[in-house]
Amino acid sequence: MTKFGWLSPVAGHAGSDFQPIVMYQEEHILPKALPHFDSLWIADHFYGFDSEKTEGFLEAWVTLTWLAARFPDVMLCHHVLGHGYRNPALTAKMASTLQVLSGNRFVLGIGGGWREDEYESYGYDFPSTATRLRQLEEVVQICRLMWTEAHPTFDGTYFQIDDAAATPRPDVVPPICIGSSGEQIGLPIVGRQADIWNGSLRGGDESWLRMRDIVHSAASDAGRDPADIECSVTVAGELPDSDAASEQWVERLTHLHDLGVEHFVMDFGHPLDVEPALRFVEQVIAPINGD
């Protein structure tokens, strides 16, 4: 069955009267719409994208934890964490805590990070892309050690831990979703380490298939079954307001499913009414899943 995720914007801008959109959606949209979706996603940034920094932007971990308490029946994932914003051991500890508190509904969505100005504003180092990606692989390794071992120790090129216990350890190890499109380093890491790949549709079908094949090849080289890596993409667009608009969504997403996409992370922006979301559920999700 094809999975559908809901990406709820933590930004607040002029179009939302500078209220973070997720706060509006938590009250007006998600209570009725979210029961029909498989996952809920929150972006990880510290401020918006306007030059004056007047747009609000809620912190990702706190927001997702708040939503975990409000909506107890949906998987939870960041879209995606910049690993450099948090110490690797702290990331592992926060993830294990949320996994325990949420009843095993947390997915660690993580990536190499890209927003240099944000790193510099908050005083974080911003090494080269290649270095950030190689660091990412060590972060993933540290997380899995801390989730599964009583006395985890790791001595890597970039990070070290020494008996960094993360109790209570989760009964279910959180799946790891890696967001990456880098063909030389990032995608091979996905193939070696990820349970879910959040890929990019930029470049069209041929680009997507090439990236998917790199992921699969790297998985096979690492002794993994490529089929064990769930392929997801983020799809932006407006909710349908007519039968014809719904049919366009069905055609678009069916085509992507035929290319191997198994999990759609839907970014609908700032809908003001829940009815178009329910139309999407009835006229798009249901026929795609044969309901």
C-alpha atoms as a PDB file:
ATOM      1  CA  MET A   1       0.000   0.000   0.000  1.00  0.00           C
ATOM      2  CA  THR A   2       1.270   3.458  -0.895  1.00  0.00           C
ATOM      3  CA  LYS A   3       1.971   5.665   2.126  1.00  0.00           C
ATOM      4  CA  PHE A   4       1.059   9.318   2.441  1.00  0.00           C
ATOM      5  CA  GLY A   5       2.698  11.813   4.764  1.00  0.00           C
ATOM      6  CA  TRP A   6       1.618  15.342   5.689  1.00  0.00           C
ATOM      7  CA  LEU A   7       4.300  18.037   5.848  1.00  0.00           C
ATOM      8  CA  SER A   8       3.107  20.762   8.215  1.00  0.00           C
ATOM      9  CA  PRO A   9       4.989  24.064   7.814  1.00  0.00           C
ATOM     10  CA  VAL A  10       6.532  25.446  10.998  1.00  0.00           C
ATOM     11  CA  ALA A  11       7.080  28.797   9.270  1.00  0.00           C
ATOM     12  CA  GLY A  12       4.990  31.869   9.823  1.00  0.00           C
ATOM     13  CA  HIS A  13       4.917  34.592   7.148  1.00  0.00           C
ATOM     14  CA  ALA A  14       2.728  37.353   5.800  1.00  0.00           C
ATOM     15  CA  GLY A  15       0.368  34.810   4.246  1.00  0.00           C
ATOM     16  CA  SER A  16      -0.314  33.326   7.674  1.00  0.00           C
ATOM     17  CA  ASP A  17      -0.290  36.652   9.528  1.00  0.00           C
ATOM     18  CA  PHE A  18       3.131  35.565  10.809  1.00  0.00           C
ATOM     19  CA  GLN A  19       1.640  32.750  12.874  1.00  0.00           C
ATOM     20  CA  PRO A  20       3.508  29.462  12.348  1.00  0.00           C
ATOM     21  CA  ILE A  21       1.289  27.513   9.966  1.00  0.00           C
ATOM     22  CA  VAL A  22       1.535  24.300  11.977  1.00  0.00           C
ATOM     23  CA  MET A  23      -0.270  26.052  14.837  1.00  0.00           C
ATOM     24  CA  TYR A  24      -3.218  26.827  12.558  1.00  0.00           C
ATOM     25  CA  GLN A  25      -3.182  23.319  11.113  1.00  0.00           C
ATOM     26  CA  GLU A  26      -3.035  21.711  14.564  1.00  0.00           C
ATOM     27  CA  GLU A  27      -6.319  23.413  15.399  1.00  0.00           C
ATOM     28  CA  HIS A  28      -8.212  23.558  12.106  1.00  0.00           C
ATOM     29  CA  ILE A  29      -6.831  20.944   9.682  1.00  0.00           C
ATOM     30  CA  LEU A  30      -4.972  18.056  11.291  1.00  0.00           C
ATOM     31  CA  PRO A  31      -7.640  16.735  13.695  1.00  0.00           C
ATOM     32  CA  LYS A  32      -9.817  15.661  10.738  1.00  0.00           C
ATOM     33  CA  ALA A  33      -7.220  15.161   8.002  1.00  0.00           C
ATOM     34  CA  LEU A  34      -4.340  13.460   9.777  1.00  0.00           C
ATOM     35  CA  PRO A  35      -6.159  10.210  10.691  1.00  0.00           C
ATOM     36  CA  HIS A  36      -6.114   9.447   6.962  1.00  0.00           C
ATOM     37  CA  PHE A  37      -2.341   9.927   6.594  1.00  0.00           C
ATOM     38  CA  ASP A  38       0.488   7.612   7.599  1.00  0.00           C
ATOM     39  CA  SER A  39       3.061  10.136   8.749  1.00  0.00           C
ATOM     40  CA  LEU A  40       3.565  13.726   9.903  1.00  0.00           C
ATOM     41  CA  TRP A  41       6.696  15.689   8.948  1.00  0.00           C
ATOM     42  CA  ILE A  42       8.284  18.856  10.347  1.00  0.00           C
ATOM     43  CA  ALA A  43      11.174  20.832   8.788  1.00  0.00           C
ATOM     44  CA  ASP A  44      14.332  21.678  10.731  1.00  0.00           C
ATOM     45  CA  HIS A  45      15.456  25.302  10.542  1.00  0.00           C
ATOM     46  CA  PHE A  46      15.905  28.080  13.078  1.00  0.00           C
ATOM     47  CA  TYR A  47      14.448  31.021  11.189  1.00  0.00           C
ATOM     48  CA  GLY A  48      12.618  31.747   7.947  1.00  0.00           C
ATOM     49  CA  PHE A  49      13.905  32.723   4.537  1.00  0.00           C
ATOM     50  CA  ASP A  50      13.150  36.455   4.441  1.00  0.00           C
ATOM     51  CA  SER A  51      16.167  38.752   4.614  1.00  0.00           C
ATOM     52  CA  GLU A  52      14.826  40.642   7.644  1.00  0.00           C
ATOM     53  CA  LYS A  53      14.190  37.412   9.595  1.00  0.00           C
ATOM     54  CA  THR A  54      10.687  38.504  10.532  1.00  0.00           C
ATOM     55  CA  GLU A  55       9.162  35.143   9.620  1.00  0.00           C
ATOM     56  CA  GLY A  56       8.648  32.852  12.545  1.00  0.00           C
ATOM     57  CA  PHE A  57      10.054  29.327  12.435  1.00  0.00           C
ATOM     58  CA  LEU A  58       9.382  26.908  15.284  1.00  0.00           C
ATOM     59  CA  GLU A  59      12.191  24.620  16.474  1.00  0.00           C
ATOM     60  CA  ALA A  60      11.738  21.160  14.994  1.00  0.00           C
ATOM     61  CA  TRP A  61      12.247  18.797  17.941  1.00  0.00           C
ATOM     62  CA  VAL A  62       9.990  20.709  20.305  1.00  0.00           C
ATOM     63  CA  THR A  63       7.296  21.055  17.657  1.00  0.00           C
ATOM     64  CA  LEU A  64       7.325  17.381  16.692  1.00  0.00           C
ATOM     65  CA  THR A  65       7.161  16.366  20.354  1.00  0.00           C
ATOM     66  CA  TRP A  66       4.147  18.643  20.833  1.00  0.00           C
ATOM     67  CA  LEU A  67       2.464  17.067  17.815  1.00  0.00           C
ATOM     68  CA  ALA A  68       3.312  13.563  19.039  1.00  0.00           C
ATOM     69  CA  ALA A  69       1.233  14.254  22.136  1.00  0.00           C
ATOM     70  CA  ARG A  70      -1.611  15.834  20.172  1.00  0.00           C
ATOM     71  CA  PHE A  71      -1.897  13.099  17.510  1.00  0.00           C
ATOM     72  CA  PRO A  72      -1.162   9.645  18.971  1.00  0.00           C
ATOM     73  CA  ASP A  73      -1.777   7.483  15.895  1.00  0.00           C
ATOM     74  CA  VAL A  74       0.655   8.712  13.238  1.00  0.00           C
ATOM     75  CA  MET A  75       4.330   8.171  12.508  1.00  0.00           C
ATOM     76  CA  LEU A  76       6.563  11.192  13.180  1.00  0.00           C
ATOM     77  CA  CYS A  77       9.547  12.378  11.156  1.00  0.00           C
ATOM     78  CA  HIS A  78      11.676  15.472  10.646  1.00  0.00           C
ATOM     79  CA  HIS A  79      12.117  16.762   7.110  1.00  0.00           C
ATOM     80  CA  VAL A  80      15.051  16.457   7.671  1.00  0.00           C
ATOM     81  CA  LEU A  81      17.331  17.287  10.591  1.00  0.00           C
ATOM     82  CA  GLY A  82      20.582  19.016   9.784  1.00  0.00           C
ATOM     83  CA  HIS A  83      22.926  16.753  11.726  1.00  0.00           C
ATOM     84  CA  GLY A  84      25.330  19.610  12.445  1.00  0.00           C
ATOM     85  CA  TYR A  85      22.773  21.453  14.561  1.00  0.00           C
ATOM     86  CA  ARG A  86      23.037  18.902  17.361  1.00  0.00           C
ATOM     87  CA  ASN A  87      25.780  16.767  18.838  1.00  0.00           C
ATOM     88  CA  PRO A  88      25.428  13.180  17.521  1.00  0.00           C
ATOM     89  CA  ALA A  89      25.060  11.620  20.962  1.00  0.00           C
ATOM     90  CA  LEU A  90      22.463  14.217  21.921  1.00  0.00           C
ATOM     91  CA  THR A  91      20.558  13.469  18.714  1.00  0.00           C
ATOM     92  CA  ALA A  92      20.575   9.782  19.583  1.00  0.00           C
ATOM     93  CA  LYS A  93      19.400  10.483  23.120  1.00  0.00           C
ATOM     94  CA  MET A  94      16.603  12.805  21.990  1.00  0.00           C
ATOM     95  CA  ALA A  95      15.504  10.249  19.397  1.00  0.00           C
ATOM     96  CA  SER A  96      15.406   7.382  21.876  1.00  0.00           C
ATOM     97  CA  THR A  97      13.415   9.532  24.294  1.00  0.00           C
ATOM     98  CA  LEU A  98      10.819  10.514  21.705  1.00  0.00           C
ATOM     99  CA  GLN A  99      10.602   6.929  20.497  1.00  0.00           C
ATOM    100  CA  VAL A 100       9.807   5.754  24.028  1.00  0.00           C
ATOM    101  CA  LEU A 101       7.357   8.568  24.770  1.00  0.00           C
ATOM    102  CA  SER A 102       5.545   8.249  21.435  1.00  0.00           C
ATOM    103  CA  GLY A 103       5.059   4.498  21.624  1.00  0.00           C
ATOM    104  CA  ASN A 104       7.516   3.656  18.849  1.00  0.00           C
ATOM    105  CA  ARG A 105       6.207   6.134  16.271  1.00  0.00           C
ATOM    106  CA  PHE A 106       9.404   8.090  15.618  1.00  0.00           C
ATOM    107  CA  VAL A 107      11.472   8.037  12.428  1.00  0.00           C
ATOM    108  CA  LEU A 108      14.845   9.786  12.538  1.00  0.00           C
ATOM    109  CA  GLY A 109      14.840  11.951   9.425  1.00  0.00           C
ATOM    110  CA  ILE A 110      18.325  13.369   8.958  1.00  0.00           C
ATOM    111  CA  GLY A 111      20.660  14.800   6.348  1.00  0.00           C
ATOM    112  CA  GLY A 112      23.928  16.595   5.786  1.00  0.00           C
ATOM    113  CA  GLY A 113      22.508  20.106   6.237  1.00  0.00           C
ATOM    114  CA  TRP A 114      22.880  22.807   3.607  1.00  0.00           C
ATOM    115  CA  ARG A 115      22.006  26.260   4.928  1.00  0.00           C
ATOM    116  CA  GLU A 116      25.375  27.913   5.532  1.00  0.00           C
ATOM    117  CA  ASP A 117      24.031  31.242   6.786  1.00  0.00           C
ATOM    118  CA  GLU A 118      22.021  29.496   9.478  1.00  0.00           C
ATOM    119  CA  TYR A 119      24.997  27.491  10.689  1.00  0.00           C
ATOM    120  CA  GLU A 120      27.116  30.618  10.902  1.00  0.00           C
ATOM    121  CA  SER A 121      24.401  32.664  12.627  1.00  0.00           C
ATOM    122  CA  TYR A 122      24.111  30.079  15.383  1.00  0.00           C
ATOM    123  CA  GLY A 123      27.853  29.539  15.711  1.00  0.00           C
ATOM    124  CA  TYR A 124      28.076  26.075  14.181  1.00  0.00           C
ATOM    125  CA  ASP A 125      30.928  24.907  11.978  1.00  0.00           C
ATOM    126  CA  PHE A 126      30.000  24.458   8.334  1.00  0.00           C
ATOM    127  CA  PRO A 127      32.557  22.182   6.664  1.00  0.00           C
ATOM    128  CA  SER A 128      32.491  21.127   3.028  1.00  0.00           C
ATOM    129  CA  THR A 129      29.588  19.145   1.609  1.00  0.00           C
ATOM    130  CA  ALA A 130      31.726  16.019   1.396  1.00  0.00           C
ATOM    131  CA  THR A 131      32.746  16.355   5.039  1.00  0.00           C
ATOM    132  CA  ARG A 132      29.193  16.984   6.234  1.00  0.00           C
ATOM    133  CA  LEU A 133      28.015  13.857   4.436  1.00  0.00           C
ATOM    134  CA  ARG A 134      30.819  11.711   5.813  1.00  0.00           C
ATOM    135  CA  GLN A 135      29.992  13.067   9.248  1.00  0.00           C
ATOM    136  CA  LEU A 136      26.356  12.077   8.630  1.00  0.00           C
ATOM    137  CA  GLU A 137      27.302   8.431   8.233  1.00  0.00           C
ATOM    138  CA  GLU A 138      29.094   8.488  11.586  1.00  0.00           C
ATOM    139  CA  VAL A 139      26.065  10.160  13.202  1.00  0.00           C
ATOM    140  CA  VAL A 140      23.834   7.334  11.967  1.00  0.00           C
ATOM    141  CA  GLN A 141      26.264   4.731  13.264  1.00  0.00           C
ATOM    142  CA  ILE A 142      26.425   6.406  16.682  1.00  0.00           C
ATOM    143  CA  CYS A 143      22.638   6.569  16.894  1.00  0.00           C
ATOM    144  CA  ARG A 144      22.178   2.883  16.187  1.00  0.00           C
ATOM    145  CA  LEU A 145      24.857   1.953  18.715  1.00  0.00           C
ATOM    146  CA  MET A 146      23.258   4.076  21.416  1.00  0.00           C
ATOM    147  CA  TRP A 147      19.805   2.668  20.681  1.00  0.00           C
ATOM    148  CA  THR A 148      20.911  -0.956  20.868  1.00  0.00           C
ATOM    149  CA  GLU A 149      23.937  -1.307  23.175  1.00  0.00           C
ATOM    150  CA  ALA A 150      24.241  -0.886  26.936  1.00  0.00           C
ATOM    151  CA  HIS A 151      27.755   0.565  26.757  1.00  0.00           C
ATOM    152  CA  PRO A 152      28.123   2.143  23.293  1.00  0.00           C
ATOM    153  CA  THR A 153      31.558   3.361  22.282  1.00  0.00           C
ATOM    154  CA  PHE A 154      32.587   4.791  18.929  1.00  0.00           C
ATOM    155  CA  ASP A 155      35.880   6.239  17.720  1.00  0.00           C
ATOM    156  CA  GLY A 156      35.345   7.733  14.303  1.00  0.00           C
ATOM    157  CA  THR A 157      37.131  10.207  12.091  1.00  0.00           C
ATOM    158  CA  TYR A 158      34.825  13.044  13.164  1.00  0.00           C
ATOM    159  CA  PHE A 159      32.975  11.935  16.300  1.00  0.00           C
ATOM    160  CA  GLN A 160      33.658   9.895  19.393  1.00  0.00           C
ATOM    161  CA  ILE A 161      31.540   8.565  22.247  1.00  0.00           C
ATOM    162  CA  ASP A 162      32.661   6.658  25.322  1.00  0.00           C
ATOM    163  CA  ASP A 163      30.060   4.548  27.115  1.00  0.00           C
ATOM    164  CA  ALA A 164      27.328   6.985  26.036  1.00  0.00           C
ATOM    165  CA  ALA A 165      24.318   5.149  27.459  1.00  0.00           C
ATOM    166  CA  ALA A 166      20.919   6.312  26.168  1.00  0.00           C
ATOM    167  CA  THR A 167      18.539   4.707  28.615  1.00  0.00           C
ATOM    168  CA  PRO A 168      15.754   3.882  28.475  1.00  0.00           C
ATOM    169  CA  ARG A 169      16.645   2.388  25.124  1.00  0.00           C
ATOM    170  CA  PRO A 170      13.700   2.014  22.747  1.00  0.00           C
ATOM    171  CA  ASP A 171      12.054  -1.377  22.333  1.00  0.00           C
ATOM    172  CA  VAL A 172      11.805  -0.649  18.601  1.00  0.00           C
ATOM    173  CA  VAL A 173      14.871   0.878  16.970  1.00  0.00           C
ATOM    174  CA  PRO A 174      13.745   4.024  15.123  1.00  0.00           C
ATOM    175  CA  PRO A 175      13.902   3.724  11.343  1.00  0.00           C
ATOM    176  CA  ILE A 176      16.331   6.165   9.766  1.00  0.00           C
ATOM    177  CA  CYS A 177      15.250   8.333   6.847  1.00  0.00           C
ATOM    178  CA  ILE A 178      18.092  10.059   5.021  1.00  0.00           C
ATOM    179  CA  GLY A 179      17.369  12.996   2.759  1.00  0.00           C
ATOM    180  CA  SER A 180      20.018  13.231   0.068  1.00  0.00           C
ATOM    181  CA  SER A 181      20.484  13.557  -3.689  1.00  0.00           C
ATOM    182  CA  GLY A 182      24.274  13.661  -3.918  1.00  0.00           C
ATOM    183  CA  GLU A 183      25.306  10.982  -6.350  1.00  0.00           C
ATOM    184  CA  GLN A 184      28.964  10.665  -5.323  1.00  0.00           C
ATOM    185  CA  ILE A 185      28.701  10.450  -1.523  1.00  0.00           C
ATOM    186  CA  GLY A 186      25.163  11.038  -0.257  1.00  0.00           C
ATOM    187  CA  LEU A 187      23.261   8.381  -2.166  1.00  0.00           C
ATOM    188  CA  PRO A 188      25.800   5.618  -1.452  1.00  0.00           C
ATOM    189  CA  ILE A 189      25.391   6.470   2.253  1.00  0.00           C
ATOM    190  CA  VAL A 190      21.640   6.073   1.811  1.00  0.00           C
ATOM    191  CA  GLY A 191      22.210   2.638   0.310  1.00  0.00           C
ATOM    192  CA  ARG A 192      24.471   1.590   3.178  1.00  0.00           C
ATOM    193  CA  GLN A 193      22.586   3.106   6.099  1.00  0.00           C
ATOM    194  CA  ALA A 194      18.994   4.243   5.441  1.00  0.00           C
ATOM    195  CA  ASP A 195      15.713   2.485   6.049  1.00  0.00           C
ATOM    196  CA  ILE A 196      13.920   5.245   4.122  1.00  0.00           C
ATOM    197  CA  TRP A 197      15.267   7.508   1.397  1.00  0.00           C
ATOM    198  CA  ASN A 198      13.693  10.923   0.923  1.00  0.00           C
ATOM    199  CA  GLY A 199      14.814  11.729  -2.596  1.00  0.00           C
ATOM    200  CA  SER A 200      14.453  14.622  -4.992  1.00  0.00           C
ATOM    201  CA  LEU A 201      12.244  14.925  -8.050  1.00  0.00           C
ATOM    202  CA  ARG A 202      14.341  17.746  -9.487  1.00  0.00           C
ATOM    203  CA  GLY A 203      15.659  16.705 -12.877  1.00  0.00           C
ATOM    204  CA  GLY A 204      12.687  14.595 -13.909  1.00  0.00           C
ATOM    205  CA  ASP A 205      12.130  10.872 -14.273  1.00  0.00           C
ATOM    206  CA  GLU A 206      15.536  10.023 -15.691  1.00  0.00           C
ATOM    207  CA  SER A 207      17.318  11.745 -12.823  1.00  0.00           C
ATOM    208  CA  TRP A 208      15.128  10.041 -10.228  1.00  0.00           C
ATOM    209  CA  LEU A 209      15.724   6.592 -11.710  1.00  0.00           C
ATOM    210  CA  ARG A 210      19.471   7.185 -11.883  1.00  0.00           C
ATOM    211  CA  MET A 211      19.568   8.215  -8.217  1.00  0.00           C
ATOM    212  CA  ARG A 212      17.419   5.259  -7.197  1.00  0.00           C
ATOM    213  CA  ASP A 213      19.748   2.893  -9.018  1.00  0.00           C
ATOM    214  CA  ILE A 214      22.748   4.365  -7.162  1.00  0.00           C
ATOM    215  CA  VAL A 215      20.971   3.747  -3.861  1.00  0.00           C
ATOM    216  CA  HIS A 216      20.118   0.182  -4.828  1.00  0.00           C
ATOM    217  CA  SER A 217      23.610  -0.556  -6.073  1.00  0.00           C
ATOM    218  CA  ALA A 218      25.174   0.745  -2.857  1.00  0.00           C
ATOM    219  CA  ALA A 219      22.740  -1.334  -0.807  1.00  0.00           C
ATOM    220  CA  SER A 220      23.658  -4.487  -2.718  1.00  0.00           C
ATOM    221  CA  ASP A 221      27.378  -3.756  -2.329  1.00  0.00           C
ATOM    222  CA  ALA A 222      26.814  -3.451   1.437  1.00  0.00           C
ATOM    223  CA  GLY A 223      25.071  -6.819   1.553  1.00  0.00           C
ATOM    224  CA  ARG A 224      21.613  -5.313   1.959  1.00  0.00           C
ATOM    225  CA  ASP A 225      18.410  -6.028   0.068  1.00  0.00           C
ATOM    226  CA  PRO A 226      17.593  -2.827  -1.885  1.00  0.00           C
ATOM    227  CA  ALA A 227      13.902  -3.596  -1.408  1.00  0.00           C
ATOM    228  CA  ASP A 228      14.365  -2.939   2.321  1.00  0.00           C
ATOM    229  CA  ILE A 229      14.885   0.784   1.597  1.00  0.00           C
ATOM    230  CA  GLU A 230      11.599   2.618   1.287  1.00  0.00           C
ATOM    231  CA  CYS A 231      11.642   5.302  -1.402  1.00  0.00           C
ATOM    232  CA  SER A 232       9.902   8.564  -0.517  1.00  0.00           C
ATOM    233  CA  VAL A 233       9.649  11.937  -2.196  1.00  0.00           C
ATOM    234  CA  THR A 234       8.236  15.292  -1.166  1.00  0.00           C
ATOM    235  CA  VAL A 235       5.523  16.555  -3.494  1.00  0.00           C
ATOM    236  CA  ALA A 236       4.296  20.146  -3.304  1.00  0.00           C
ATOM    237  CA  GLY A 237       1.036  21.463  -4.678  1.00  0.00           C
ATOM    238  CA  GLU A 238      -2.394  22.796  -3.853  1.00  0.00           C
ATOM    239  CA  LEU A 239      -5.137  20.614  -2.467  1.00  0.00           C
ATOM    240  CA  PRO A 240      -7.779  19.769  -5.093  1.00  0.00           C
ATOM    241  CA  ASP A 241     -10.879  21.922  -5.347  1.00  0.00           C
ATOM    242  CA  SER A 242     -12.643  19.852  -8.006  1.00  0.00           C
ATOM    243  CA  ASP A 243     -12.973  16.312  -9.366  1.00  0.00           C
ATOM    244  CA  ALA A 244     -10.708  17.288 -12.257  1.00  0.00           C
ATOM    245  CA  ALA A 245      -8.002  18.564  -9.929  1.00  0.00           C
ATOM    246  CA  SER A 246      -8.190  15.322  -7.974  1.00  0.00           C
ATOM    247  CA  GLU A 247      -7.794  13.305 -11.147  1.00  0.00           C
ATOM    248  CA  GLN A 248      -4.665  15.297 -12.004  1.00  0.00           C
ATOM    249  CA  TRP A 249      -3.240  14.375  -8.602  1.00  0.00           C
ATOM    250  CA  VAL A 250      -4.076  10.708  -9.183  1.00  0.00           C
ATOM    251  CA  GLU A 251      -2.312  10.730 -12.546  1.00  0.00           C
ATOM    252  CA  ARG A 252       0.753  12.518 -11.159  1.00  0.00           C
ATOM    253  CA  LEU A 253       1.184  10.306  -8.116  1.00  0.00           C
ATOM    254  CA  THR A 254       0.383   7.078  -9.970  1.00  0.00           C
ATOM    255  CA  HIS A 255       3.157   7.911 -12.418  1.00  0.00           C
ATOM    256  CA  LEU A 256       5.602   8.455  -9.555  1.00  0.00           C
ATOM    257  CA  HIS A 257       4.489   5.229  -7.902  1.00  0.00           C
ATOM    258  CA  ASP A 258       5.216   3.419 -11.174  1.00  0.00           C
ATOM    259  CA  LEU A 259       8.759   4.819 -10.910  1.00  0.00           C
ATOM    260  CA  GLY A 260       9.162   3.199  -7.506  1.00  0.00           C
ATOM    261  CA  VAL A 261       7.989   5.862  -5.055  1.00  0.00           C
ATOM    262  CA  GLU A 262       6.368   4.211  -2.043  1.00  0.00           C
ATOM    263  CA  HIS A 263       5.809   7.121   0.347  1.00  0.00           C
ATOM    264  CA  PHE A 264       4.574  10.571  -0.691  1.00  0.00           C
ATOM    265  CA  VAL A 265       5.322  13.450   1.683  1.00  0.00           C
ATOM    266  CA  MET A 266       2.685  16.000   0.747  1.00  0.00           C
ATOM    267  CA  ASP A 267       3.388  19.715   1.129  1.00  0.00           C
ATOM    268  CA  PHE A 268       0.112  21.578   0.658  1.00  0.00           C
ATOM    269  CA  GLY A 269       1.296  24.909   2.018  1.00  0.00           C
ATOM    270  CA  HIS A 270      -1.303  26.784   4.030  1.00  0.00           C
ATOM    271  CA  PRO A 271      -4.826  25.479   3.336  1.00  0.00           C
ATOM    272  CA  LEU A 272      -7.416  27.405   5.331  1.00  0.00           C
ATOM    273  CA  ASP A 273     -10.148  24.782   5.265  1.00  0.00           C
ATOM    274  CA  VAL A 274     -10.145  21.044   5.910  1.00  0.00           C
ATOM    275  CA  GLU A 275     -12.612  20.141   3.144  1.00  0.00           C
ATOM    276  CA  PRO A 276     -10.036  20.078   0.298  1.00  0.00           C
ATOM    277  CA  ALA A 277      -7.856  17.811   2.459  1.00  0.00           C
ATOM    278  CA  LEU A 278     -10.759  15.400   2.874  1.00  0.00           C
ATOM    279  CA  ARG A 279     -11.367  15.595  -0.891  1.00  0.00           C
ATOM    280  CA  PHE A 280      -7.732  14.576  -1.387  1.00  0.00           C
ATOM    281  CA  VAL A 281      -8.259  11.641   0.964  1.00  0.00           C
ATOM    282  CA  GLU A 282     -11.423  10.468  -0.803  1.00  0.00           C
ATOM    283  CA  GLN A 283     -10.508  11.190  -4.403  1.00  0.00           C
ATOM    284  CA  VAL A 284      -6.733  10.693  -4.463  1.00  0.00           C
ATOM    285  CA  ILE A 285      -5.500   8.476  -1.622  1.00  0.00           C
ATOM    286  CA  ALA A 286      -8.430   6.063  -1.757  1.00  0.00           C
ATOM    287  CA  PRO A 287      -8.292   5.263  -5.492  1.00  0.00           C
ATOM    288  CA  ILE A 288      -4.495   5.006  -5.498  1.00  0.00           C
ATOM    289  CA  ASN A 289      -4.709   2.459  -2.701  1.00  0.00           C
ATOM    290  CA  GLY A 290      -7.666   0.680  -4.227  1.00  0.00           C
ATOM    291  CA  ASP A 291     -10.126   1.649  -1.490  1.00  0.00           C
END
